[in-house]
Amino acid sequence: MRRKSRRRENEDATDMRDLWGGVLGAATCILAVALSPVSANAKGCIKGAIVGGAAGHLAHHTLLGAAAGCVIGHHEAVKAEKVQQEQQQQNQQQQTQPLNPAPAQTPIKQQ
């Protein structure tokens, strides 16, 4: 059986530290968002932070990716909410308007 070189053992240890650093960083971000008192403004942030953290981990910038993902996720959620509100307003306007408006009656003048 061949023994690993000391250099390879150090690389393995570094890889494990990087992995745990990323996992702990992502867990810290998720916990911070979950415990924040302003949960109404966090729409899309948690989902974006998870995706951004995973993408950032591949580039060795987990926390930066999670922060950017949170910002982008929140922006997209707000944009989707505005579109939904506009559609609801249009539907309400269409429901309040009569389908076939009656023609206006003009009074008949007698001479």
C-alpha atoms as a PDB file:
ATOM      1  CA  MET A   1       0.000   0.000   0.000  1.00  0.00           C
ATOM      2  CA  ARG A   2       1.335   3.359  -0.994  1.00  0.00           C
ATOM      3  CA  ARG A   3       1.392   6.190   1.495  1.00  0.00           C
ATOM      4  CA  LYS A   4       0.137   9.675   0.553  1.00  0.00           C
ATOM      5  CA  SER A   5       2.757  12.326   0.281  1.00  0.00           C
ATOM      6  CA  ARG A   6       2.816  15.081   2.878  1.00  0.00           C
ATOM      7  CA  ARG A   7       1.891  17.611   0.174  1.00  0.00           C
ATOM      8  CA  ARG A   8      -1.205  15.629  -0.826  1.00  0.00           C
ATOM      9  CA  GLU A   9      -2.276  15.362   2.816  1.00  0.00           C
ATOM     10  CA  ASN A  10      -2.017  19.161   3.159  1.00  0.00           C
ATOM     11  CA  GLU A  11      -4.092  19.652  -0.003  1.00  0.00           C
ATOM     12  CA  ASP A  12      -6.787  17.326   1.367  1.00  0.00           C
ATOM     13  CA  ALA A  13      -6.877  19.251   4.630  1.00  0.00           C
ATOM     14  CA  THR A  14      -7.127  22.557   2.756  1.00  0.00           C
ATOM     15  CA  ASP A  15      -9.972  21.221   0.604  1.00  0.00           C
ATOM     16  CA  MET A  16     -11.905  20.162   3.717  1.00  0.00           C
ATOM     17  CA  ARG A  17     -11.353  23.563   5.355  1.00  0.00           C
ATOM     18  CA  ASP A  18     -12.596  25.298   2.199  1.00  0.00           C
ATOM     19  CA  LEU A  19     -15.647  23.063   2.093  1.00  0.00           C
ATOM     20  CA  TRP A  20     -16.539  23.645   5.734  1.00  0.00           C
ATOM     21  CA  GLY A  21     -15.857  27.357   5.365  1.00  0.00           C
ATOM     22  CA  GLY A  22     -18.353  27.530   2.516  1.00  0.00           C
ATOM     23  CA  VAL A  23     -20.948  25.479   4.360  1.00  0.00           C
ATOM     24  CA  LEU A  24     -20.592  27.549   7.521  1.00  0.00           C
ATOM     25  CA  GLY A  25     -20.695  30.779   5.515  1.00  0.00           C
ATOM     26  CA  ALA A  26     -23.893  29.777   3.740  1.00  0.00           C
ATOM     27  CA  ALA A  27     -25.449  28.597   7.004  1.00  0.00           C
ATOM     28  CA  THR A  28     -24.521  31.897   8.643  1.00  0.00           C
ATOM     29  CA  CYS A  29     -26.169  33.895   5.832  1.00  0.00           C
ATOM     30  CA  ILE A  30     -29.329  31.821   5.933  1.00  0.00           C
ATOM     31  CA  LEU A  31     -29.524  32.073   9.712  1.00  0.00           C
ATOM     32  CA  ALA A  32     -28.962  35.837   9.623  1.00  0.00           C
ATOM     33  CA  VAL A  33     -31.747  36.322   7.083  1.00  0.00           C
ATOM     34  CA  ALA A  34     -34.102  33.969   8.908  1.00  0.00           C
ATOM     35  CA  LEU A  35     -33.614  35.734  12.243  1.00  0.00           C
ATOM     36  CA  SER A  36     -33.760  39.267  10.891  1.00  0.00           C
ATOM     37  CA  PRO A  37     -36.735  41.228  12.243  1.00  0.00           C
ATOM     38  CA  VAL A  38     -37.696  42.619   8.822  1.00  0.00           C
ATOM     39  CA  SER A  39     -38.983  39.495   7.166  1.00  0.00           C
ATOM     40  CA  ALA A  40     -41.458  41.322   4.902  1.00  0.00           C
ATOM     41  CA  ASN A  41     -38.620  42.874   2.897  1.00  0.00           C
ATOM     42  CA  ALA A  42     -36.832  39.545   2.438  1.00  0.00           C
ATOM     43  CA  LYS A  43     -39.000  38.296  -0.405  1.00  0.00           C
ATOM     44  CA  GLY A  44     -36.788  36.398  -2.802  1.00  0.00           C
ATOM     45  CA  CYS A  45     -33.685  37.002  -0.691  1.00  0.00           C
ATOM     46  CA  ILE A  46     -33.369  33.538   0.833  1.00  0.00           C
ATOM     47  CA  LYS A  47     -33.831  31.742  -2.475  1.00  0.00           C
ATOM     48  CA  GLY A  48     -31.391  34.116  -4.169  1.00  0.00           C
ATOM     49  CA  ALA A  49     -28.863  33.749  -1.351  1.00  0.00           C
ATOM     50  CA  ILE A  50     -28.907  29.971  -1.639  1.00  0.00           C
ATOM     51  CA  VAL A  51     -28.420  30.048  -5.401  1.00  0.00           C
ATOM     52  CA  GLY A  52     -25.842  32.846  -5.210  1.00  0.00           C
ATOM     53  CA  GLY A  53     -23.959  31.101  -2.409  1.00  0.00           C
ATOM     54  CA  ALA A  54     -23.754  27.891  -4.407  1.00  0.00           C
ATOM     55  CA  ALA A  55     -22.573  29.744  -7.504  1.00  0.00           C
ATOM     56  CA  GLY A  56     -20.150  31.843  -5.477  1.00  0.00           C
ATOM     57  CA  HIS A  57     -18.746  28.722  -3.839  1.00  0.00           C
ATOM     58  CA  LEU A  58     -17.595  27.509  -7.232  1.00  0.00           C
ATOM     59  CA  ALA A  59     -15.654  30.747  -7.629  1.00  0.00           C
ATOM     60  CA  HIS A  60     -14.405  30.624  -4.000  1.00  0.00           C
ATOM     61  CA  HIS A  61     -16.558  33.627  -3.041  1.00  0.00           C
ATOM     62  CA  THR A  62     -19.455  32.023  -1.184  1.00  0.00           C
ATOM     63  CA  LEU A  63     -20.450  34.980   0.981  1.00  0.00           C
ATOM     64  CA  LEU A  64     -20.153  37.461  -1.854  1.00  0.00           C
ATOM     65  CA  GLY A  65     -22.299  35.213  -4.055  1.00  0.00           C
ATOM     66  CA  ALA A  66     -24.893  34.834  -1.319  1.00  0.00           C
ATOM     67  CA  ALA A  67     -25.087  38.595  -0.785  1.00  0.00           C
ATOM     68  CA  ALA A  68     -25.400  39.290  -4.512  1.00  0.00           C
ATOM     69  CA  GLY A  69     -27.976  36.505  -4.864  1.00  0.00           C
ATOM     70  CA  CYS A  70     -30.011  38.013  -2.041  1.00  0.00           C
ATOM     71  CA  VAL A  71     -30.055  41.435  -3.708  1.00  0.00           C
ATOM     72  CA  ILE A  72     -30.956  40.042  -7.126  1.00  0.00           C
ATOM     73  CA  GLY A  73     -33.574  37.675  -5.698  1.00  0.00           C
ATOM     74  CA  HIS A  74     -35.239  40.510  -3.790  1.00  0.00           C
ATOM     75  CA  HIS A  75     -35.214  42.734  -6.885  1.00  0.00           C
ATOM     76  CA  GLU A  76     -36.827  40.022  -9.007  1.00  0.00           C
ATOM     77  CA  ALA A  77     -39.467  39.329  -6.330  1.00  0.00           C
ATOM     78  CA  VAL A  78     -40.409  43.015  -6.132  1.00  0.00           C
ATOM     79  CA  LYS A  79     -40.584  43.221  -9.928  1.00  0.00           C
ATOM     80  CA  ALA A  80     -42.848  40.145 -10.082  1.00  0.00           C
ATOM     81  CA  GLU A  81     -45.075  41.581  -7.343  1.00  0.00           C
ATOM     82  CA  LYS A  82     -45.519  44.836  -9.301  1.00  0.00           C
ATOM     83  CA  VAL A  83     -46.510  42.921 -12.433  1.00  0.00           C
ATOM     84  CA  GLN A  84     -49.012  40.876 -10.434  1.00  0.00           C
ATOM     85  CA  GLN A  85     -50.541  44.012  -8.907  1.00  0.00           C
ATOM     86  CA  GLU A  86     -50.888  45.630 -12.347  1.00  0.00           C
ATOM     87  CA  GLN A  87     -52.643  42.528 -13.674  1.00  0.00           C
ATOM     88  CA  GLN A  88     -55.034  42.515 -10.720  1.00  0.00           C
ATOM     89  CA  GLN A  89     -55.859  46.186 -11.301  1.00  0.00           C
ATOM     90  CA  GLN A  90     -56.547  45.530 -14.972  1.00  0.00           C
ATOM     91  CA  ASN A  91     -58.808  42.591 -14.092  1.00  0.00           C
ATOM     92  CA  GLN A  92     -60.729  44.715 -11.575  1.00  0.00           C
ATOM     93  CA  GLN A  93     -61.195  47.497 -14.127  1.00  0.00           C
ATOM     94  CA  GLN A  94     -62.486  45.033 -16.705  1.00  0.00           C
ATOM     95  CA  GLN A  95     -64.944  43.539 -14.218  1.00  0.00           C
ATOM     96  CA  THR A  96     -66.364  46.919 -13.219  1.00  0.00           C
ATOM     97  CA  GLN A  97     -66.937  48.100 -16.797  1.00  0.00           C
ATOM     98  CA  PRO A  98     -70.207  46.924 -18.383  1.00  0.00           C
ATOM     99  CA  LEU A  99     -69.809  44.625 -21.376  1.00  0.00           C
ATOM    100  CA  ASN A 100     -72.362  46.373 -23.594  1.00  0.00           C
ATOM    101  CA  PRO A 101     -72.917  49.908 -22.382  1.00  0.00           C
ATOM    102  CA  ALA A 102     -76.396  51.210 -23.068  1.00  0.00           C
ATOM    103  CA  PRO A 103     -76.521  54.106 -25.509  1.00  0.00           C
ATOM    104  CA  ALA A 104     -77.097  57.437 -23.908  1.00  0.00           C
ATOM    105  CA  GLN A 105     -80.696  58.572 -24.222  1.00  0.00           C
ATOM    106  CA  THR A 106     -81.225  62.110 -25.331  1.00  0.00           C
ATOM    107  CA  PRO A 107     -84.377  63.803 -24.177  1.00  0.00           C
ATOM    108  CA  ILE A 108     -86.929  64.424 -26.903  1.00  0.00           C
ATOM    109  CA  LYS A 109     -87.758  68.067 -27.257  1.00  0.00           C
ATOM    110  CA  GLN A 110     -91.363  68.908 -27.754  1.00  0.00           C
ATOM    111  CA  GLN A 111     -92.261  71.961 -29.776  1.00  0.00           C
END
